[in-house]
Amino acid sequence: MSKTYLDQLIEAYRTNSNFKKIVLALLLVIGIQAVALVVTTEKLISNLDRTRYILSPGIATMTVVRPGELPSSYIEEAFRYATSLLNGWTYSSIKDNYKTLFERFYARDLTVKTQANINAMNYFEDVSNRKLISFWQAIPEESEFHWCGEVQARKEVKGVACGIVTGEQSLYADHNIPIKKEKVSYLIYATNVAPTLNNLFAIEISRLKRGPLYVLKEELAKSLKDGVLPSEDEL
């Protein structure tokens, strides 16, 4: 039996209705996926500050780490290298050493403060005029290194590496005239940051204090116990 015009019209209506249902179902699925994507993206963004990347010098791959997992051996390597730049130099290399510290290790506030002190003391000029040379030898048994974890710094809570580096500095003038030899200790606080080509150690030193070893040990122990960094005025 051939279909009447009415039968064809009803069939076309049903087909069109089914098509609309399919389209609505697809739109609903797409909408759910879009919402899920937005939620996932927001979660990833909110957790960005809880993921840190380190690229150890000499290693060609990145290592993903989270606060609390940065090993003390890595902190030791970074801190000892920074202090070797600070104390191991010649009158012709000292400016380059500090340039490396400013560009690859120091936070901006520490850089500005250190530059101001150098200028106020005419430090580079004095070193150059006297042809000073400084040798540095770390003393491991009088040094210590920690991953402090989540520590309050000002009003923020950050993942902080902390430690004390002690070494012996020997200072000479005019190439070979001994001036002094002394033990020097530094208390260092640094945050773990994403690595760059300029900062392969992926740490940023925010505070650095030189002083007697027993005093620095007391301050470090207090920070580890209380979970709060001392104010910058104390450093």
C-alpha atoms as a PDB file:
ATOM      1  CA  MET A   1       0.000   0.000   0.000  1.00  0.00           C
ATOM      2  CA  SER A   2       1.422   3.359  -0.973  1.00  0.00           C
ATOM      3  CA  LYS A   3       1.883   5.930   1.767  1.00  0.00           C
ATOM      4  CA  THR A   4      -0.514   8.787   1.858  1.00  0.00           C
ATOM      5  CA  TYR A   5       0.675  12.348   2.174  1.00  0.00           C
ATOM      6  CA  LEU A   6      -0.458  12.317   5.813  1.00  0.00           C
ATOM      7  CA  ASP A   7       1.571   9.181   6.530  1.00  0.00           C
ATOM      8  CA  GLN A   8       4.645  10.750   4.979  1.00  0.00           C
ATOM      9  CA  LEU A   9       4.136  13.934   6.994  1.00  0.00           C
ATOM     10  CA  ILE A  10       3.821  11.958  10.268  1.00  0.00           C
ATOM     11  CA  GLU A  11       6.963   9.958   9.475  1.00  0.00           C
ATOM     12  CA  ALA A  12       8.911  13.113   8.655  1.00  0.00           C
ATOM     13  CA  TYR A  13       7.786  14.655  11.933  1.00  0.00           C
ATOM     14  CA  ARG A  14       8.902  11.593  13.913  1.00  0.00           C
ATOM     15  CA  THR A  15      12.278  11.588  12.124  1.00  0.00           C
ATOM     16  CA  ASN A  16      12.745  15.271  12.835  1.00  0.00           C
ATOM     17  CA  SER A  17      11.749  14.759  16.483  1.00  0.00           C
ATOM     18  CA  ASN A  18      14.235  11.916  16.905  1.00  0.00           C
ATOM     19  CA  PHE A  19      16.932  14.038  15.290  1.00  0.00           C
ATOM     20  CA  LYS A  20      16.253  16.848  17.738  1.00  0.00           C
ATOM     21  CA  LYS A  21      16.494  14.423  20.656  1.00  0.00           C
ATOM     22  CA  ILE A  22      19.837  13.149  19.375  1.00  0.00           C
ATOM     23  CA  VAL A  23      21.130  16.688  18.939  1.00  0.00           C
ATOM     24  CA  LEU A  24      19.980  17.651  22.453  1.00  0.00           C
ATOM     25  CA  ALA A  25      21.648  14.546  23.904  1.00  0.00           C
ATOM     26  CA  LEU A  26      24.909  15.380  22.138  1.00  0.00           C
ATOM     27  CA  LEU A  27      24.744  18.968  23.363  1.00  0.00           C
ATOM     28  CA  LEU A  28      24.182  17.705  26.900  1.00  0.00           C
ATOM     29  CA  VAL A  29      27.228  15.426  26.699  1.00  0.00           C
ATOM     30  CA  ILE A  30      29.355  18.251  25.306  1.00  0.00           C
ATOM     31  CA  GLY A  31      28.128  20.559  28.062  1.00  0.00           C
ATOM     32  CA  ILE A  32      29.042  18.044  30.771  1.00  0.00           C
ATOM     33  CA  GLN A  33      32.508  17.591  29.264  1.00  0.00           C
ATOM     34  CA  ALA A  34      33.018  21.355  29.119  1.00  0.00           C
ATOM     35  CA  VAL A  35      32.075  21.749  32.789  1.00  0.00           C
ATOM     36  CA  ALA A  36      34.407  18.896  33.747  1.00  0.00           C
ATOM     37  CA  LEU A  37      37.232  20.510  31.769  1.00  0.00           C
ATOM     38  CA  VAL A  38      36.723  23.856  33.513  1.00  0.00           C
ATOM     39  CA  VAL A  39      36.683  22.219  36.962  1.00  0.00           C
ATOM     40  CA  THR A  40      39.825  20.220  36.189  1.00  0.00           C
ATOM     41  CA  THR A  41      41.612  23.320  34.884  1.00  0.00           C
ATOM     42  CA  GLU A  42      40.725  25.307  38.007  1.00  0.00           C
ATOM     43  CA  LYS A  43      42.067  22.529  40.215  1.00  0.00           C
ATOM     44  CA  LEU A  44      45.329  22.414  38.267  1.00  0.00           C
ATOM     45  CA  ILE A  45      45.722  26.195  38.508  1.00  0.00           C
ATOM     46  CA  SER A  46      45.004  26.198  42.240  1.00  0.00           C
ATOM     47  CA  ASN A  47      47.684  23.529  42.753  1.00  0.00           C
ATOM     48  CA  LEU A  48      50.396  25.171  40.661  1.00  0.00           C
ATOM     49  CA  ASP A  49      52.098  26.636  43.718  1.00  0.00           C
ATOM     50  CA  ARG A  50      52.202  23.186  45.293  1.00  0.00           C
ATOM     51  CA  THR A  51      54.220  21.668  42.447  1.00  0.00           C
ATOM     52  CA  ARG A  52      57.859  22.517  42.005  1.00  0.00           C
ATOM     53  CA  TYR A  53      60.341  21.475  39.339  1.00  0.00           C
ATOM     54  CA  ILE A  54      64.049  21.028  39.844  1.00  0.00           C
ATOM     55  CA  LEU A  55      66.695  20.555  37.197  1.00  0.00           C
ATOM     56  CA  SER A  56      69.920  19.429  38.786  1.00  0.00           C
ATOM     57  CA  PRO A  57      73.084  20.651  37.031  1.00  0.00           C
ATOM     58  CA  GLY A  58      74.526  17.888  34.910  1.00  0.00           C
ATOM     59  CA  ILE A  59      71.159  16.109  34.602  1.00  0.00           C
ATOM     60  CA  ALA A  60      69.244  16.551  31.368  1.00  0.00           C
ATOM     61  CA  THR A  61      65.767  15.832  32.713  1.00  0.00           C
ATOM     62  CA  MET A  62      63.411  17.661  35.018  1.00  0.00           C
ATOM     63  CA  THR A  63      62.311  16.117  38.297  1.00  0.00           C
ATOM     64  CA  VAL A  64      58.873  16.966  39.660  1.00  0.00           C
ATOM     65  CA  VAL A  65      58.868  17.420  43.412  1.00  0.00           C
ATOM     66  CA  ARG A  66      56.360  18.624  45.967  1.00  0.00           C
ATOM     67  CA  PRO A  67      56.834  20.560  49.203  1.00  0.00           C
ATOM     68  CA  GLY A  68      58.360  18.243  51.780  1.00  0.00           C
ATOM     69  CA  GLU A  69      60.266  16.091  49.284  1.00  0.00           C
ATOM     70  CA  LEU A  70      63.280  18.237  48.374  1.00  0.00           C
ATOM     71  CA  PRO A  71      66.244  16.208  49.687  1.00  0.00           C
ATOM     72  CA  SER A  72      68.777  17.712  52.076  1.00  0.00           C
ATOM     73  CA  SER A  73      71.600  16.542  49.789  1.00  0.00           C
ATOM     74  CA  TYR A  74      70.248  18.729  46.996  1.00  0.00           C
ATOM     75  CA  ILE A  75      69.893  21.715  49.346  1.00  0.00           C
ATOM     76  CA  GLU A  76      73.481  21.161  50.489  1.00  0.00           C
ATOM     77  CA  GLU A  77      74.773  21.197  46.922  1.00  0.00           C
ATOM     78  CA  ALA A  78      72.921  24.418  46.103  1.00  0.00           C
ATOM     79  CA  PHE A  79      73.823  26.254  49.332  1.00  0.00           C
ATOM     80  CA  ARG A  80      77.479  25.244  49.207  1.00  0.00           C
ATOM     81  CA  TYR A  81      77.777  26.411  45.616  1.00  0.00           C
ATOM     82  CA  ALA A  82      76.198  29.784  46.461  1.00  0.00           C
ATOM     83  CA  THR A  83      78.512  30.342  49.432  1.00  0.00           C
ATOM     84  CA  SER A  84      81.544  29.347  47.356  1.00  0.00           C
ATOM     85  CA  LEU A  85      80.664  32.166  44.947  1.00  0.00           C
ATOM     86  CA  LEU A  86      80.279  34.512  47.899  1.00  0.00           C
ATOM     87  CA  ASN A  87      83.653  33.678  49.446  1.00  0.00           C
ATOM     88  CA  GLY A  88      85.867  32.196  46.734  1.00  0.00           C
ATOM     89  CA  TRP A  89      87.029  34.926  44.348  1.00  0.00           C
ATOM     90  CA  THR A  90      89.890  37.063  43.079  1.00  0.00           C
ATOM     91  CA  TYR A  91      89.935  40.811  42.596  1.00  0.00           C
ATOM     92  CA  SER A  92      89.266  40.192  38.882  1.00  0.00           C
ATOM     93  CA  SER A  93      86.405  37.704  39.347  1.00  0.00           C
ATOM     94  CA  ILE A  94      84.461  39.079  42.310  1.00  0.00           C
ATOM     95  CA  LYS A  95      82.047  41.163  40.210  1.00  0.00           C
ATOM     96  CA  ASP A  96      81.186  38.144  38.053  1.00  0.00           C
ATOM     97  CA  ASN A  97      80.615  36.046  41.174  1.00  0.00           C
ATOM     98  CA  TYR A  98      78.134  38.541  42.567  1.00  0.00           C
ATOM     99  CA  LYS A  99      76.464  38.896  39.175  1.00  0.00           C
ATOM    100  CA  THR A 100      75.860  35.141  39.196  1.00  0.00           C
ATOM    101  CA  LEU A 101      74.463  35.320  42.730  1.00  0.00           C
ATOM    102  CA  PHE A 102      72.120  38.161  41.802  1.00  0.00           C
ATOM    103  CA  GLU A 103      70.903  36.555  38.575  1.00  0.00           C
ATOM    104  CA  ARG A 104      70.725  32.896  39.623  1.00  0.00           C
ATOM    105  CA  PHE A 105      70.331  32.666  43.383  1.00  0.00           C
ATOM    106  CA  TYR A 106      69.192  35.799  45.199  1.00  0.00           C
ATOM    107  CA  ALA A 107      65.608  36.995  45.441  1.00  0.00           C
ATOM    108  CA  ARG A 108      65.016  40.546  44.263  1.00  0.00           C
ATOM    109  CA  ASP A 109      64.823  42.067  47.766  1.00  0.00           C
ATOM    110  CA  LEU A 110      68.071  40.393  48.818  1.00  0.00           C
ATOM    111  CA  THR A 111      69.758  41.537  45.608  1.00  0.00           C
ATOM    112  CA  VAL A 112      68.731  45.161  46.153  1.00  0.00           C
ATOM    113  CA  LYS A 113      69.863  45.095  49.793  1.00  0.00           C
ATOM    114  CA  THR A 114      73.219  43.506  48.951  1.00  0.00           C
ATOM    115  CA  GLN A 115      73.908  45.918  46.097  1.00  0.00           C
ATOM    116  CA  ALA A 116      73.200  48.847  48.405  1.00  0.00           C
ATOM    117  CA  ASN A 117      75.682  47.526  50.982  1.00  0.00           C
ATOM    118  CA  ILE A 118      78.359  46.945  48.332  1.00  0.00           C
ATOM    119  CA  ASN A 119      77.993  50.486  47.021  1.00  0.00           C
ATOM    120  CA  ALA A 120      77.973  52.025  50.498  1.00  0.00           C
ATOM    121  CA  MET A 121      81.253  50.309  51.421  1.00  0.00           C
ATOM    122  CA  ASN A 122      82.921  50.742  48.002  1.00  0.00           C
ATOM    123  CA  TYR A 123      83.527  47.029  48.356  1.00  0.00           C
ATOM    124  CA  PHE A 124      84.520  46.202  44.777  1.00  0.00           C
ATOM    125  CA  GLU A 125      86.887  49.181  44.588  1.00  0.00           C
ATOM    126  CA  ASP A 126      88.604  48.189  47.821  1.00  0.00           C
ATOM    127  CA  VAL A 127      89.056  44.592  46.672  1.00  0.00           C
ATOM    128  CA  SER A 128      90.480  45.777  43.336  1.00  0.00           C
ATOM    129  CA  ASN A 129      92.827  48.384  44.803  1.00  0.00           C
ATOM    130  CA  ARG A 130      94.274  45.949  47.341  1.00  0.00           C
ATOM    131  CA  LYS A 131      94.309  43.062  44.843  1.00  0.00           C
ATOM    132  CA  LEU A 132      92.539  40.823  47.321  1.00  0.00           C
ATOM    133  CA  ILE A 133      92.059  37.099  46.815  1.00  0.00           C
ATOM    134  CA  SER A 134      89.710  34.960  48.931  1.00  0.00           C
ATOM    135  CA  PHE A 135      89.862  31.170  49.259  1.00  0.00           C
ATOM    136  CA  TRP A 136      86.952  29.180  50.688  1.00  0.00           C
ATOM    137  CA  GLN A 137      86.787  25.673  52.125  1.00  0.00           C
ATOM    138  CA  ALA A 138      83.457  24.344  53.430  1.00  0.00           C
ATOM    139  CA  ILE A 139      83.372  22.487  56.771  1.00  0.00           C
ATOM    140  CA  PRO A 140      80.665  19.787  56.403  1.00  0.00           C
ATOM    141  CA  GLU A 141      80.645  18.711  60.066  1.00  0.00           C
ATOM    142  CA  GLU A 142      79.715  22.265  61.109  1.00  0.00           C
ATOM    143  CA  SER A 143      77.022  22.685  58.477  1.00  0.00           C
ATOM    144  CA  GLU A 144      73.442  21.413  58.290  1.00  0.00           C
ATOM    145  CA  PHE A 145      70.711  21.379  55.663  1.00  0.00           C
ATOM    146  CA  HIS A 146      66.939  20.893  55.924  1.00  0.00           C
ATOM    147  CA  TRP A 147      63.758  20.995  53.880  1.00  0.00           C
ATOM    148  CA  CYS A 148      61.626  22.970  56.322  1.00  0.00           C
ATOM    149  CA  GLY A 149      58.421  22.247  54.412  1.00  0.00           C
ATOM    150  CA  GLU A 150      55.510  24.648  54.720  1.00  0.00           C
ATOM    151  CA  VAL A 151      56.775  27.689  56.613  1.00  0.00           C
ATOM    152  CA  GLN A 152      55.111  31.034  57.188  1.00  0.00           C
ATOM    153  CA  ALA A 153      57.047  33.913  55.644  1.00  0.00           C
ATOM    154  CA  ARG A 154      55.376  37.267  56.199  1.00  0.00           C
ATOM    155  CA  LYS A 155      51.693  36.537  55.435  1.00  0.00           C
ATOM    156  CA  GLU A 156      52.347  33.658  53.040  1.00  0.00           C
ATOM    157  CA  VAL A 157      52.997  29.985  53.620  1.00  0.00           C
ATOM    158  CA  LYS A 158      55.763  28.690  51.386  1.00  0.00           C
ATOM    159  CA  GLY A 159      57.888  25.612  50.926  1.00  0.00           C
ATOM    160  CA  VAL A 160      61.272  26.624  52.316  1.00  0.00           C
ATOM    161  CA  ALA A 161      64.765  25.114  52.242  1.00  0.00           C
ATOM    162  CA  CYS A 162      66.958  26.188  55.136  1.00  0.00           C
ATOM    163  CA  GLY A 163      70.392  25.473  56.470  1.00  0.00           C
ATOM    164  CA  ILE A 164      73.715  26.626  57.810  1.00  0.00           C
ATOM    165  CA  VAL A 165      76.916  26.623  55.778  1.00  0.00           C
ATOM    166  CA  THR A 166      80.193  26.925  57.680  1.00  0.00           C
ATOM    167  CA  GLY A 167      83.559  27.248  56.030  1.00  0.00           C
ATOM    168  CA  GLU A 168      87.034  28.658  56.398  1.00  0.00           C
ATOM    169  CA  GLN A 169      87.921  31.809  54.493  1.00  0.00           C
ATOM    170  CA  SER A 170      91.551  32.702  53.776  1.00  0.00           C
ATOM    171  CA  LEU A 171      92.170  36.262  52.581  1.00  0.00           C
ATOM    172  CA  TYR A 172      95.318  37.455  50.777  1.00  0.00           C
ATOM    173  CA  ALA A 173      96.444  40.827  49.444  1.00  0.00           C
ATOM    174  CA  ASP A 174      98.744  41.556  46.509  1.00  0.00           C
ATOM    175  CA  HIS A 175      98.359  37.942  45.382  1.00  0.00           C
ATOM    176  CA  ASN A 176     100.191  36.200  48.254  1.00  0.00           C
ATOM    177  CA  ILE A 177     100.352  38.335  51.412  1.00  0.00           C
ATOM    178  CA  PRO A 178      98.204  36.642  54.095  1.00  0.00           C
ATOM    179  CA  ILE A 179      95.718  38.964  55.788  1.00  0.00           C
ATOM    180  CA  LYS A 180      93.476  36.691  57.820  1.00  0.00           C
ATOM    181  CA  LYS A 181      92.003  33.232  58.115  1.00  0.00           C
ATOM    182  CA  GLU A 182      88.698  32.714  59.899  1.00  0.00           C
ATOM    183  CA  LYS A 183      85.646  30.493  60.182  1.00  0.00           C
ATOM    184  CA  VAL A 184      82.523  31.960  58.656  1.00  0.00           C
ATOM    185  CA  SER A 185      78.948  30.685  59.072  1.00  0.00           C
ATOM    186  CA  TYR A 186      75.830  31.599  57.090  1.00  0.00           C
ATOM    187  CA  LEU A 187      72.175  30.973  57.883  1.00  0.00           C
ATOM    188  CA  ILE A 188      70.260  30.615  54.605  1.00  0.00           C
ATOM    189  CA  TYR A 189      66.555  30.444  53.767  1.00  0.00           C
ATOM    190  CA  ALA A 190      65.437  29.744  50.196  1.00  0.00           C
ATOM    191  CA  THR A 191      62.239  28.877  48.360  1.00  0.00           C
ATOM    192  CA  ASN A 192      61.948  26.160  45.706  1.00  0.00           C
ATOM    193  CA  VAL A 193      61.052  27.703  42.331  1.00  0.00           C
ATOM    194  CA  ALA A 194      60.668  26.499  38.760  1.00  0.00           C
ATOM    195  CA  PRO A 195      64.037  26.092  37.024  1.00  0.00           C
ATOM    196  CA  THR A 196      65.223  28.381  34.257  1.00  0.00           C
ATOM    197  CA  LEU A 197      68.340  28.431  32.118  1.00  0.00           C
ATOM    198  CA  ASN A 198      69.774  30.963  34.579  1.00  0.00           C
ATOM    199  CA  ASN A 199      68.702  29.091  37.699  1.00  0.00           C
ATOM    200  CA  LEU A 200      69.390  25.393  37.255  1.00  0.00           C
ATOM    201  CA  PHE A 201      69.377  24.773  41.003  1.00  0.00           C
ATOM    202  CA  ALA A 202      65.755  25.977  41.110  1.00  0.00           C
ATOM    203  CA  ILE A 203      66.096  27.734  44.458  1.00  0.00           C
ATOM    204  CA  GLU A 204      65.766  31.400  45.308  1.00  0.00           C
ATOM    205  CA  ILE A 205      67.654  32.615  48.374  1.00  0.00           C
ATOM    206  CA  SER A 206      65.457  35.124  50.190  1.00  0.00           C
ATOM    207  CA  ARG A 207      67.440  35.562  53.415  1.00  0.00           C
ATOM    208  CA  LEU A 208      71.102  35.187  54.280  1.00  0.00           C
ATOM    209  CA  LYS A 209      72.761  36.013  57.576  1.00  0.00           C
ATOM    210  CA  ARG A 210      76.395  35.799  58.647  1.00  0.00           C
ATOM    211  CA  GLY A 211      77.187  35.348  62.325  1.00  0.00           C
ATOM    212  CA  PRO A 212      78.433  33.107  65.139  1.00  0.00           C
ATOM    213  CA  LEU A 213      77.592  29.463  64.551  1.00  0.00           C
ATOM    214  CA  TYR A 214      75.830  28.935  67.904  1.00  0.00           C
ATOM    215  CA  VAL A 215      73.561  31.955  67.320  1.00  0.00           C
ATOM    216  CA  LEU A 216      72.608  30.795  63.828  1.00  0.00           C
ATOM    217  CA  LYS A 217      71.896  27.278  65.096  1.00  0.00           C
ATOM    218  CA  GLU A 218      69.498  28.678  67.702  1.00  0.00           C
ATOM    219  CA  GLU A 219      67.666  30.748  65.104  1.00  0.00           C
ATOM    220  CA  LEU A 220      67.422  27.807  62.705  1.00  0.00           C
ATOM    221  CA  ALA A 221      66.142  25.473  65.443  1.00  0.00           C
ATOM    222  CA  LYS A 222      63.453  28.028  66.354  1.00  0.00           C
ATOM    223  CA  SER A 223      62.342  28.294  62.727  1.00  0.00           C
ATOM    224  CA  LEU A 224      62.115  24.512  62.391  1.00  0.00           C
ATOM    225  CA  LYS A 225      60.161  24.250  65.639  1.00  0.00           C
ATOM    226  CA  ASP A 226      57.733  27.138  65.138  1.00  0.00           C
ATOM    227  CA  GLY A 227      57.330  26.889  61.374  1.00  0.00           C
ATOM    228  CA  VAL A 228      57.814  30.657  61.055  1.00  0.00           C
ATOM    229  CA  LEU A 229      60.798  32.465  59.572  1.00  0.00           C
ATOM    230  CA  PRO A 230      62.379  35.247  61.623  1.00  0.00           C
ATOM    231  CA  SER A 231      61.630  38.759  60.439  1.00  0.00           C
ATOM    232  CA  GLU A 232      64.009  40.171  57.859  1.00  0.00           C
ATOM    233  CA  ASP A 233      65.158  42.763  60.372  1.00  0.00           C
ATOM    234  CA  GLU A 234      66.647  39.915  62.430  1.00  0.00           C
ATOM    235  CA  LEU A 235      68.742  38.708  59.511  1.00  0.00           C
END
